[in-house]
Amino acid sequence: MKIVVPDHIGELTIEQFQAIHDTDDPVEQVAIACNIDRELINQMDLDSLDRVTKVMGNFDPTEDKNWPLIQLVDHEGVKYGFHPNLSEMTVGEYADLETLCADLYTNLVGVMSVLYRPVVEHHKKHYTIEGYQANDPNESFNRLRMDVVLGSLAFFLRIGIDFVINSNQSLKEAKDQL
């Protein structure tokens, strides 16, 4: 029997990612990642299980530091867009995002529900998304792939890094002018 083992963490869903990290049982982790019954894992020989767990050992989100932002994603028959203009976020969006990020791991579905919403208009590279509905997490995002999640999180990390670099450069230039 052949089982399909995801190549990297980006192929997992939010639900799988959270479930894998909520257990220390390697048999359960393999069953979750491969989307198969635990009983099938129990019937595997040890060499096969070892090969699978070695592949899964690469499920480190920091392994690939180049997760690209996926602005538009088709998910379960709906096109979702990343918030097209973060400087125009509403107070509700910002407040909910700040609250949800306090426990990011647990609230991945909520965070993605703030950042990604159904596209209502799309022309070439420009699109608009549905208005924000507070406290309305999109439960289908439990099945959203982690490459979308990691791309959006990496986007914010890159902004933070750029801010630190630019702040240091500005401070250095100001000091040099004194």
N, C-alpha and C. Protein backbone atom coordinates (compact mmCIF):
# COMPACT_ATOMS: atom_id res chain seq x y z
N MET A 1 0.84 -1.19 0.00
CA MET A 1 0.00 0.00 0.00
C MET A 1 0.89 1.24 0.00
N LYS A 2 0.53 2.23 -0.80
CA LYS A 2 1.26 3.49 -0.85
C LYS A 2 0.44 4.57 -0.15
N ILE A 3 1.14 5.40 0.62
CA ILE A 3 0.48 6.56 1.22
C ILE A 3 1.17 7.80 0.69
N VAL A 4 0.42 8.88 0.62
CA VAL A 4 0.96 10.14 0.14
C VAL A 4 1.41 10.95 1.35
N VAL A 5 2.69 11.27 1.37
CA VAL A 5 3.27 12.05 2.46
C VAL A 5 3.53 13.46 1.92
N PRO A 6 3.00 14.47 2.59
CA PRO A 6 3.29 15.85 2.14
C PRO A 6 4.79 16.10 2.13
N ASP A 7 5.25 16.86 1.12
CA ASP A 7 6.67 17.17 0.98
C ASP A 7 7.14 18.25 1.96
N HIS A 8 6.24 19.17 2.28
CA HIS A 8 6.60 20.27 3.16
C HIS A 8 5.37 20.76 3.91
N ILE A 9 5.60 21.59 4.87
CA ILE A 9 4.54 22.08 5.75
C ILE A 9 3.46 22.85 4.99
N GLY A 10 3.83 23.47 3.88
CA GLY A 10 2.87 24.25 3.09
C GLY A 10 1.74 23.43 2.51
N GLU A 11 1.92 22.11 2.41
CA GLU A 11 0.88 21.24 1.87
C GLU A 11 -0.17 20.85 2.92
N LEU A 12 0.14 21.09 4.18
CA LEU A 12 -0.83 20.78 5.24
C LEU A 12 -1.91 21.84 5.28
N THR A 13 -3.04 21.49 5.88
CA THR A 13 -4.07 22.48 6.15
C THR A 13 -3.84 23.05 7.54
N ILE A 14 -4.50 24.15 7.84
CA ILE A 14 -4.40 24.71 9.20
C ILE A 14 -4.81 23.65 10.21
N GLU A 15 -5.89 22.96 9.94
CA GLU A 15 -6.40 21.94 10.85
C GLU A 15 -5.36 20.84 11.09
N GLN A 16 -4.71 20.37 10.02
CA GLN A 16 -3.68 19.34 10.17
C GLN A 16 -2.48 19.87 10.94
N PHE A 17 -2.05 21.06 10.59
CA PHE A 17 -0.90 21.68 11.24
C PHE A 17 -1.13 21.79 12.75
N GLN A 18 -2.29 22.29 13.14
CA GLN A 18 -2.58 22.44 14.56
C GLN A 18 -2.68 21.09 15.25
N ALA A 19 -3.32 20.13 14.60
CA ALA A 19 -3.47 18.80 15.20
C ALA A 19 -2.13 18.10 15.37
N ILE A 20 -1.25 18.23 14.38
CA ILE A 20 0.07 17.62 14.46
C ILE A 20 0.86 18.20 15.63
N HIS A 21 0.74 19.50 15.79
CA HIS A 21 1.50 20.15 16.86
C HIS A 21 0.84 20.02 18.24
N ASP A 22 -0.36 19.51 18.26
CA ASP A 22 -1.04 19.30 19.55
C ASP A 22 -0.77 17.91 20.12
N THR A 23 -0.04 17.08 19.40
CA THR A 23 0.27 15.73 19.90
C THR A 23 1.76 15.45 19.77
N ASP A 24 2.27 14.69 20.71
CA ASP A 24 3.67 14.26 20.64
C ASP A 24 3.78 12.84 20.09
N ASP A 25 2.66 12.23 19.80
CA ASP A 25 2.62 10.85 19.31
C ASP A 25 2.98 10.81 17.83
N PRO A 26 4.15 10.28 17.45
CA PRO A 26 4.55 10.27 16.04
C PRO A 26 3.61 9.47 15.14
N VAL A 27 3.00 8.43 15.67
CA VAL A 27 2.06 7.65 14.87
C VAL A 27 0.84 8.50 14.54
N GLU A 28 0.35 9.23 15.52
CA GLU A 28 -0.80 10.11 15.31
C GLU A 28 -0.43 11.25 14.34
N GLN A 29 0.78 11.79 14.47
CA GLN A 29 1.22 12.86 13.57
C GLN A 29 1.27 12.39 12.11
N VAL A 30 1.77 11.18 11.90
CA VAL A 30 1.82 10.63 10.55
C VAL A 30 0.40 10.42 10.01
N ALA A 31 -0.48 9.87 10.84
CA ALA A 31 -1.87 9.64 10.42
C ALA A 31 -2.53 10.96 10.01
N ILE A 32 -2.29 12.01 10.79
CA ILE A 32 -2.89 13.32 10.49
C ILE A 32 -2.32 13.89 9.20
N ALA A 33 -0.99 13.90 9.08
CA ALA A 33 -0.34 14.50 7.90
C ALA A 33 -0.71 13.78 6.61
N CYS A 34 -0.81 12.46 6.69
CA CYS A 34 -1.09 11.66 5.49
C CYS A 34 -2.58 11.44 5.28
N ASN A 35 -3.37 11.95 6.22
CA ASN A 35 -4.83 11.85 6.14
C ASN A 35 -5.28 10.39 6.01
N ILE A 36 -4.71 9.55 6.88
CA ILE A 36 -5.08 8.13 6.89
C ILE A 36 -5.39 7.70 8.32
N ASP A 37 -6.05 6.58 8.42
CA ASP A 37 -6.43 6.05 9.72
C ASP A 37 -5.20 5.56 10.49
N ARG A 38 -5.22 5.80 11.76
CA ARG A 38 -4.11 5.39 12.63
C ARG A 38 -3.86 3.88 12.53
N GLU A 39 -4.90 3.10 12.33
CA GLU A 39 -4.74 1.64 12.23
C GLU A 39 -3.85 1.25 11.06
N LEU A 40 -3.92 2.01 9.96
CA LEU A 40 -3.04 1.73 8.81
C LEU A 40 -1.58 1.99 9.18
N ILE A 41 -1.35 3.02 9.96
CA ILE A 41 0.01 3.32 10.41
C ILE A 41 0.52 2.17 11.29
N ASN A 42 -0.34 1.65 12.15
CA ASN A 42 0.06 0.55 13.04
C ASN A 42 0.44 -0.70 12.26
N GLN A 43 -0.02 -0.84 11.02
CA GLN A 43 0.29 -2.00 10.20
C GLN A 43 1.57 -1.82 9.37
N MET A 44 2.15 -0.62 9.40
CA MET A 44 3.37 -0.36 8.63
C MET A 44 4.56 -1.03 9.31
N ASP A 45 5.58 -1.35 8.50
CA ASP A 45 6.82 -1.83 9.10
C ASP A 45 7.61 -0.61 9.61
N LEU A 46 8.54 -0.84 10.50
CA LEU A 46 9.27 0.25 11.14
C LEU A 46 10.11 1.06 10.15
N ASP A 47 10.68 0.42 9.15
CA ASP A 47 11.47 1.16 8.15
C ASP A 47 10.61 2.15 7.38
N SER A 48 9.41 1.73 7.02
CA SER A 48 8.49 2.63 6.30
C SER A 48 8.09 3.80 7.18
N LEU A 49 7.75 3.51 8.42
CA LEU A 49 7.36 4.58 9.34
C LEU A 49 8.54 5.53 9.55
N ASP A 50 9.73 5.01 9.64
CA ASP A 50 10.93 5.83 9.82
C ASP A 50 11.13 6.77 8.63
N ARG A 51 10.94 6.26 7.41
CA ARG A 51 11.08 7.10 6.20
C ARG A 51 10.04 8.21 6.20
N VAL A 52 8.81 7.89 6.58
CA VAL A 52 7.75 8.90 6.61
C VAL A 52 8.06 9.96 7.66
N THR A 53 8.47 9.55 8.85
CA THR A 53 8.74 10.54 9.90
C THR A 53 9.96 11.39 9.56
N LYS A 54 10.91 10.87 8.79
CA LYS A 54 12.05 11.68 8.37
C LYS A 54 11.59 12.78 7.42
N VAL A 55 10.68 12.46 6.50
CA VAL A 55 10.13 13.48 5.61
C VAL A 55 9.40 14.53 6.44
N MET A 56 8.62 14.06 7.40
CA MET A 56 7.86 14.99 8.23
C MET A 56 8.76 15.79 9.16
N GLY A 57 9.96 15.33 9.40
CA GLY A 57 10.90 16.09 10.21
C GLY A 57 11.27 17.41 9.56
N ASN A 58 10.97 17.53 8.27
CA ASN A 58 11.24 18.77 7.54
C ASN A 58 10.08 19.76 7.62
N PHE A 59 9.13 19.50 8.48
CA PHE A 59 7.95 20.37 8.59
C PHE A 59 8.24 21.57 9.49
N ASP A 60 9.34 22.21 9.23
CA ASP A 60 9.73 23.39 9.98
C ASP A 60 9.43 24.61 9.13
N PRO A 61 8.51 25.50 9.57
CA PRO A 61 8.14 26.65 8.74
C PRO A 61 9.30 27.61 8.50
N THR A 62 10.34 27.56 9.33
CA THR A 62 11.47 28.46 9.13
C THR A 62 12.47 27.88 8.14
N GLU A 63 12.27 26.62 7.74
CA GLU A 63 13.20 25.96 6.82
C GLU A 63 13.30 26.73 5.51
N ASP A 64 12.17 27.15 4.98
CA ASP A 64 12.15 27.93 3.74
C ASP A 64 11.74 29.35 4.12
N LYS A 65 12.68 30.24 4.17
CA LYS A 65 12.40 31.60 4.61
C LYS A 65 11.80 32.46 3.50
N ASN A 66 11.51 31.88 2.37
CA ASN A 66 11.01 32.64 1.23
C ASN A 66 9.56 32.32 0.91
N TRP A 67 8.73 32.16 1.93
CA TRP A 67 7.32 31.89 1.66
C TRP A 67 6.74 33.13 0.98
N PRO A 68 6.30 33.01 -0.28
CA PRO A 68 5.74 34.19 -0.97
C PRO A 68 4.32 34.48 -0.51
N LEU A 69 3.97 35.76 -0.54
CA LEU A 69 2.60 36.15 -0.24
C LEU A 69 1.72 35.71 -1.39
N ILE A 70 0.68 34.98 -1.09
CA ILE A 70 -0.29 34.55 -2.09
C ILE A 70 -1.47 35.51 -1.98
N GLN A 71 -1.55 36.44 -2.92
CA GLN A 71 -2.57 37.48 -2.82
C GLN A 71 -3.97 36.96 -3.15
N LEU A 72 -4.06 36.10 -4.14
CA LEU A 72 -5.35 35.53 -4.52
C LEU A 72 -5.27 34.02 -4.41
N VAL A 73 -6.27 33.43 -3.78
CA VAL A 73 -6.28 31.98 -3.62
C VAL A 73 -7.69 31.46 -3.88
N ASP A 74 -7.77 30.39 -4.66
CA ASP A 74 -9.04 29.70 -4.85
C ASP A 74 -9.13 28.64 -3.77
N HIS A 75 -10.17 28.76 -2.97
CA HIS A 75 -10.33 27.83 -1.84
C HIS A 75 -11.77 27.34 -1.83
N GLU A 76 -11.92 26.05 -2.04
CA GLU A 76 -13.24 25.41 -2.03
C GLU A 76 -14.26 26.15 -2.90
N GLY A 77 -13.80 26.51 -4.11
CA GLY A 77 -14.69 27.10 -5.10
C GLY A 77 -14.91 28.59 -4.97
N VAL A 78 -14.22 29.24 -4.05
CA VAL A 78 -14.36 30.69 -3.86
C VAL A 78 -12.99 31.33 -4.02
N LYS A 79 -12.93 32.47 -4.71
CA LYS A 79 -11.67 33.21 -4.84
C LYS A 79 -11.59 34.19 -3.68
N TYR A 80 -10.50 34.06 -2.90
CA TYR A 80 -10.25 34.94 -1.77
C TYR A 80 -9.06 35.82 -2.09
N GLY A 81 -9.11 37.05 -1.59
CA GLY A 81 -8.01 37.98 -1.79
C GLY A 81 -7.46 38.47 -0.47
N PHE A 82 -6.13 38.60 -0.42
CA PHE A 82 -5.45 39.21 0.72
C PHE A 82 -5.86 40.67 0.76
N HIS A 83 -6.03 41.21 1.93
CA HIS A 83 -6.46 42.61 2.06
C HIS A 83 -5.62 43.47 1.12
N PRO A 84 -6.25 44.12 0.13
CA PRO A 84 -5.48 44.81 -0.91
C PRO A 84 -4.79 46.10 -0.46
N ASN A 85 -5.22 46.68 0.67
CA ASN A 85 -4.59 47.91 1.11
C ASN A 85 -4.62 47.97 2.64
N LEU A 86 -3.55 47.50 3.25
CA LEU A 86 -3.51 47.41 4.70
C LEU A 86 -3.60 48.77 5.39
N SER A 87 -3.20 49.82 4.69
CA SER A 87 -3.30 51.16 5.29
C SER A 87 -4.76 51.62 5.38
N GLU A 88 -5.65 50.92 4.72
CA GLU A 88 -7.07 51.26 4.78
C GLU A 88 -7.88 50.27 5.62
N MET A 89 -7.18 49.50 6.47
CA MET A 89 -7.90 48.58 7.36
C MET A 89 -8.80 49.38 8.28
N THR A 90 -9.96 48.81 8.58
CA THR A 90 -10.87 49.46 9.51
C THR A 90 -10.39 49.25 10.94
N VAL A 91 -10.94 50.04 11.85
CA VAL A 91 -10.61 49.89 13.26
C VAL A 91 -10.96 48.48 13.73
N GLY A 92 -12.08 47.95 13.27
CA GLY A 92 -12.50 46.60 13.65
C GLY A 92 -11.52 45.54 13.16
N GLU A 93 -11.08 45.67 11.92
CA GLU A 93 -10.11 44.72 11.37
C GLU A 93 -8.81 44.76 12.17
N TYR A 94 -8.32 45.96 12.41
CA TYR A 94 -7.07 46.11 13.13
C TYR A 94 -7.19 45.57 14.56
N ALA A 95 -8.26 45.93 15.25
CA ALA A 95 -8.45 45.50 16.64
C ALA A 95 -8.57 43.98 16.72
N ASP A 96 -9.36 43.39 15.82
CA ASP A 96 -9.51 41.93 15.84
C ASP A 96 -8.20 41.24 15.51
N LEU A 97 -7.46 41.76 14.55
CA LEU A 97 -6.19 41.17 14.18
C LEU A 97 -5.21 41.23 15.36
N GLU A 98 -5.18 42.36 16.03
CA GLU A 98 -4.28 42.51 17.18
C GLU A 98 -4.66 41.53 18.29
N THR A 99 -5.94 41.38 18.55
CA THR A 99 -6.41 40.44 19.58
C THR A 99 -6.10 39.00 19.19
N LEU A 100 -6.40 38.64 17.95
CA LEU A 100 -6.16 37.27 17.49
C LEU A 100 -4.68 36.91 17.49
N CYS A 101 -3.83 37.87 17.17
CA CYS A 101 -2.39 37.60 17.11
C CYS A 101 -1.77 37.39 18.48
N ALA A 102 -2.50 37.71 19.54
CA ALA A 102 -1.99 37.46 20.89
C ALA A 102 -1.78 35.96 21.10
N ASP A 103 -2.59 35.13 20.43
CA ASP A 103 -2.42 33.68 20.45
C ASP A 103 -2.54 33.19 19.01
N LEU A 104 -1.56 33.57 18.22
CA LEU A 104 -1.58 33.34 16.78
C LEU A 104 -1.82 31.89 16.41
N TYR A 105 -1.10 30.99 17.03
CA TYR A 105 -1.20 29.56 16.70
C TYR A 105 -2.64 29.07 16.82
N THR A 106 -3.29 29.39 17.91
CA THR A 106 -4.67 28.95 18.14
C THR A 106 -5.65 29.65 17.22
N ASN A 107 -5.34 30.89 16.83
CA ASN A 107 -6.29 31.72 16.09
C ASN A 107 -5.97 31.87 14.60
N LEU A 108 -5.26 30.91 14.02
CA LEU A 108 -4.90 31.03 12.61
C LEU A 108 -6.11 31.22 11.70
N VAL A 109 -7.19 30.51 11.97
CA VAL A 109 -8.39 30.63 11.13
C VAL A 109 -8.96 32.05 11.23
N GLY A 110 -9.02 32.58 12.43
CA GLY A 110 -9.52 33.95 12.63
C GLY A 110 -8.65 34.98 11.95
N VAL A 111 -7.33 34.83 12.08
CA VAL A 111 -6.39 35.77 11.45
C VAL A 111 -6.56 35.73 9.93
N MET A 112 -6.64 34.54 9.37
CA MET A 112 -6.81 34.43 7.92
C MET A 112 -8.16 34.98 7.48
N SER A 113 -9.16 34.89 8.34
CA SER A 113 -10.49 35.43 8.02
C SER A 113 -10.49 36.96 7.97
N VAL A 114 -9.59 37.58 8.73
CA VAL A 114 -9.45 39.03 8.66
C VAL A 114 -8.67 39.41 7.40
N LEU A 115 -7.61 38.67 7.12
CA LEU A 115 -6.71 39.04 6.02
C LEU A 115 -7.22 38.62 4.65
N TYR A 116 -7.93 37.51 4.56
CA TYR A 116 -8.44 37.00 3.27
C TYR A 116 -9.96 36.97 3.30
N ARG A 117 -10.56 37.62 2.30
CA ARG A 117 -12.01 37.59 2.17
C ARG A 117 -12.39 37.40 0.71
N PRO A 118 -13.62 36.97 0.46
CA PRO A 118 -14.03 36.74 -0.92
C PRO A 118 -13.85 37.97 -1.80
N VAL A 119 -13.35 37.72 -3.00
CA VAL A 119 -13.15 38.79 -3.98
C VAL A 119 -14.51 39.12 -4.60
N VAL A 120 -14.85 40.41 -4.61
CA VAL A 120 -16.13 40.82 -5.20
C VAL A 120 -15.93 41.45 -6.58
N GLU A 121 -14.73 41.96 -6.83
CA GLU A 121 -14.43 42.56 -8.12
C GLU A 121 -12.96 42.30 -8.42
N HIS A 122 -12.67 41.94 -9.67
CA HIS A 122 -11.29 41.61 -10.02
C HIS A 122 -11.03 42.05 -11.45
N HIS A 123 -10.01 42.89 -11.63
CA HIS A 123 -9.61 43.33 -12.97
C HIS A 123 -8.09 43.37 -13.01
N LYS A 124 -7.51 42.48 -13.79
CA LYS A 124 -6.06 42.31 -13.91
C LYS A 124 -5.45 42.13 -12.53
N LYS A 125 -4.57 43.06 -12.10
CA LYS A 125 -3.91 42.92 -10.80
C LYS A 125 -4.71 43.54 -9.65
N HIS A 126 -5.78 44.21 -9.96
CA HIS A 126 -6.56 44.93 -8.94
C HIS A 126 -7.81 44.13 -8.57
N TYR A 127 -8.14 44.16 -7.31
CA TYR A 127 -9.33 43.47 -6.84
C TYR A 127 -9.85 44.14 -5.58
N THR A 128 -11.12 43.91 -5.31
CA THR A 128 -11.71 44.36 -4.04
C THR A 128 -12.27 43.12 -3.35
N ILE A 129 -12.30 43.20 -2.03
CA ILE A 129 -12.79 42.08 -1.24
C ILE A 129 -14.04 42.50 -0.48
N GLU A 130 -14.78 41.51 -0.01
CA GLU A 130 -15.98 41.79 0.78
C GLU A 130 -15.62 42.61 2.01
N GLY A 131 -16.59 43.38 2.48
CA GLY A 131 -16.38 44.14 3.71
C GLY A 131 -16.19 43.21 4.90
N TYR A 132 -15.61 43.75 5.93
CA TYR A 132 -15.27 42.95 7.10
C TYR A 132 -16.47 42.76 8.02
N GLN A 133 -16.68 41.53 8.46
CA GLN A 133 -17.70 41.19 9.43
C GLN A 133 -16.99 40.72 10.70
N ALA A 134 -17.01 41.53 11.74
CA ALA A 134 -16.30 41.22 12.98
C ALA A 134 -16.76 39.89 13.56
N ASN A 135 -15.82 39.18 14.17
CA ASN A 135 -16.10 37.93 14.87
C ASN A 135 -16.82 36.91 13.99
N ASP A 136 -16.44 36.85 12.74
CA ASP A 136 -17.06 35.91 11.82
C ASP A 136 -15.99 35.08 11.13
N PRO A 137 -15.32 34.18 11.90
CA PRO A 137 -14.25 33.39 11.26
C PRO A 137 -14.81 32.45 10.20
N ASN A 138 -14.09 32.36 9.10
CA ASN A 138 -14.47 31.50 7.99
C ASN A 138 -14.01 30.08 8.34
N GLU A 139 -14.92 29.25 8.80
CA GLU A 139 -14.57 27.91 9.26
C GLU A 139 -14.00 27.04 8.15
N SER A 140 -14.27 27.38 6.88
CA SER A 140 -13.66 26.59 5.80
C SER A 140 -12.15 26.80 5.77
N PHE A 141 -11.67 27.86 6.42
CA PHE A 141 -10.23 28.10 6.46
C PHE A 141 -9.50 27.08 7.32
N ASN A 142 -10.22 26.26 8.07
CA ASN A 142 -9.56 25.14 8.74
C ASN A 142 -8.88 24.25 7.70
N ARG A 143 -9.39 24.27 6.48
CA ARG A 143 -8.85 23.44 5.40
C ARG A 143 -7.97 24.26 4.43
N LEU A 144 -7.64 25.49 4.81
CA LEU A 144 -6.76 26.33 4.01
C LEU A 144 -5.33 25.83 4.13
N ARG A 145 -4.62 25.79 3.01
CA ARG A 145 -3.25 25.28 3.02
C ARG A 145 -2.31 26.23 3.76
N MET A 146 -1.35 25.63 4.42
CA MET A 146 -0.39 26.39 5.21
C MET A 146 0.53 27.26 4.36
N ASP A 147 0.69 26.97 3.07
CA ASP A 147 1.53 27.86 2.26
C ASP A 147 0.91 29.25 2.17
N VAL A 148 -0.42 29.33 2.18
CA VAL A 148 -1.10 30.63 2.18
C VAL A 148 -0.85 31.33 3.52
N VAL A 149 -1.01 30.58 4.60
CA VAL A 149 -0.82 31.13 5.94
C VAL A 149 0.62 31.62 6.11
N LEU A 150 1.58 30.76 5.79
CA LEU A 150 2.98 31.11 5.99
C LEU A 150 3.41 32.28 5.10
N GLY A 151 2.84 32.36 3.90
CA GLY A 151 3.14 33.49 3.02
C GLY A 151 2.66 34.80 3.60
N SER A 152 1.47 34.79 4.20
CA SER A 152 0.95 36.04 4.79
C SER A 152 1.73 36.40 6.05
N LEU A 153 2.09 35.42 6.86
CA LEU A 153 2.87 35.70 8.06
C LEU A 153 4.28 36.19 7.70
N ALA A 154 4.88 35.58 6.68
CA ALA A 154 6.21 36.00 6.23
C ALA A 154 6.17 37.43 5.68
N PHE A 155 5.06 37.80 5.05
CA PHE A 155 4.88 39.16 4.55
C PHE A 155 5.03 40.16 5.69
N PHE A 156 4.35 39.90 6.80
CA PHE A 156 4.43 40.80 7.94
C PHE A 156 5.81 40.76 8.59
N LEU A 157 6.43 39.61 8.61
CA LEU A 157 7.77 39.50 9.16
C LEU A 157 8.75 40.32 8.33
N ARG A 158 8.62 40.24 7.01
CA ARG A 158 9.51 41.02 6.14
C ARG A 158 9.31 42.52 6.35
N ILE A 159 8.06 42.95 6.55
CA ILE A 159 7.79 44.36 6.83
C ILE A 159 8.49 44.77 8.13
N GLY A 160 8.39 43.92 9.15
CA GLY A 160 9.04 44.21 10.43
C GLY A 160 10.55 44.31 10.29
N ILE A 161 11.13 43.40 9.54
CA ILE A 161 12.58 43.41 9.33
C ILE A 161 12.98 44.67 8.57
N ASP A 162 12.23 45.01 7.52
CA ASP A 162 12.52 46.23 6.76
C ASP A 162 12.43 47.46 7.66
N PHE A 163 11.44 47.49 8.54
CA PHE A 163 11.27 48.62 9.45
C PHE A 163 12.49 48.77 10.36
N VAL A 164 12.96 47.67 10.92
CA VAL A 164 14.14 47.71 11.80
C VAL A 164 15.37 48.19 11.03
N ILE A 165 15.58 47.65 9.84
CA ILE A 165 16.74 48.04 9.03
C ILE A 165 16.67 49.53 8.69
N ASN A 166 15.49 49.97 8.23
CA ASN A 166 15.34 51.37 7.85
C ASN A 166 15.47 52.30 9.06
N SER A 167 14.94 51.87 10.21
CA SER A 167 15.06 52.68 11.43
C SER A 167 16.52 52.81 11.84
N ASN A 168 17.26 51.72 11.79
CA ASN A 168 18.69 51.76 12.13
C ASN A 168 19.44 52.69 11.19
N GLN A 169 19.14 52.60 9.90
CA GLN A 169 19.80 53.45 8.91
C GLN A 169 19.47 54.91 9.17
N SER A 170 18.21 55.22 9.46
CA SER A 170 17.80 56.60 9.74
C SER A 170 18.49 57.14 10.98
N LEU A 171 18.56 56.32 12.02
CA LEU A 171 19.23 56.75 13.25
C LEU A 171 20.72 57.00 13.01
N LYS A 172 21.34 56.16 12.22
CA LYS A 172 22.76 56.33 11.90
C LYS A 172 22.97 57.63 11.13
N GLU A 173 22.09 57.89 10.15
CA GLU A 173 22.22 59.13 9.36
C GLU A 173 22.00 60.34 10.22
N ALA A 174 21.05 60.27 11.15
CA ALA A 174 20.79 61.40 12.06
C ALA A 174 21.98 61.64 12.97
N LYS A 175 22.58 60.56 13.46
CA LYS A 175 23.74 60.66 14.34
C LYS A 175 24.92 61.27 13.58
N ASP A 176 25.09 60.86 12.30
CA ASP A 176 26.19 61.39 11.49
C ASP A 176 26.03 62.87 11.21
N GLN A 177 24.80 63.38 11.23
CA GLN A 177 24.55 64.80 10.95
C GLN A 177 24.76 65.67 12.19
N LEU A 178 24.88 65.05 13.34
CA LEU A 178 25.10 65.83 14.57
C LEU A 178 26.47 66.37 14.68
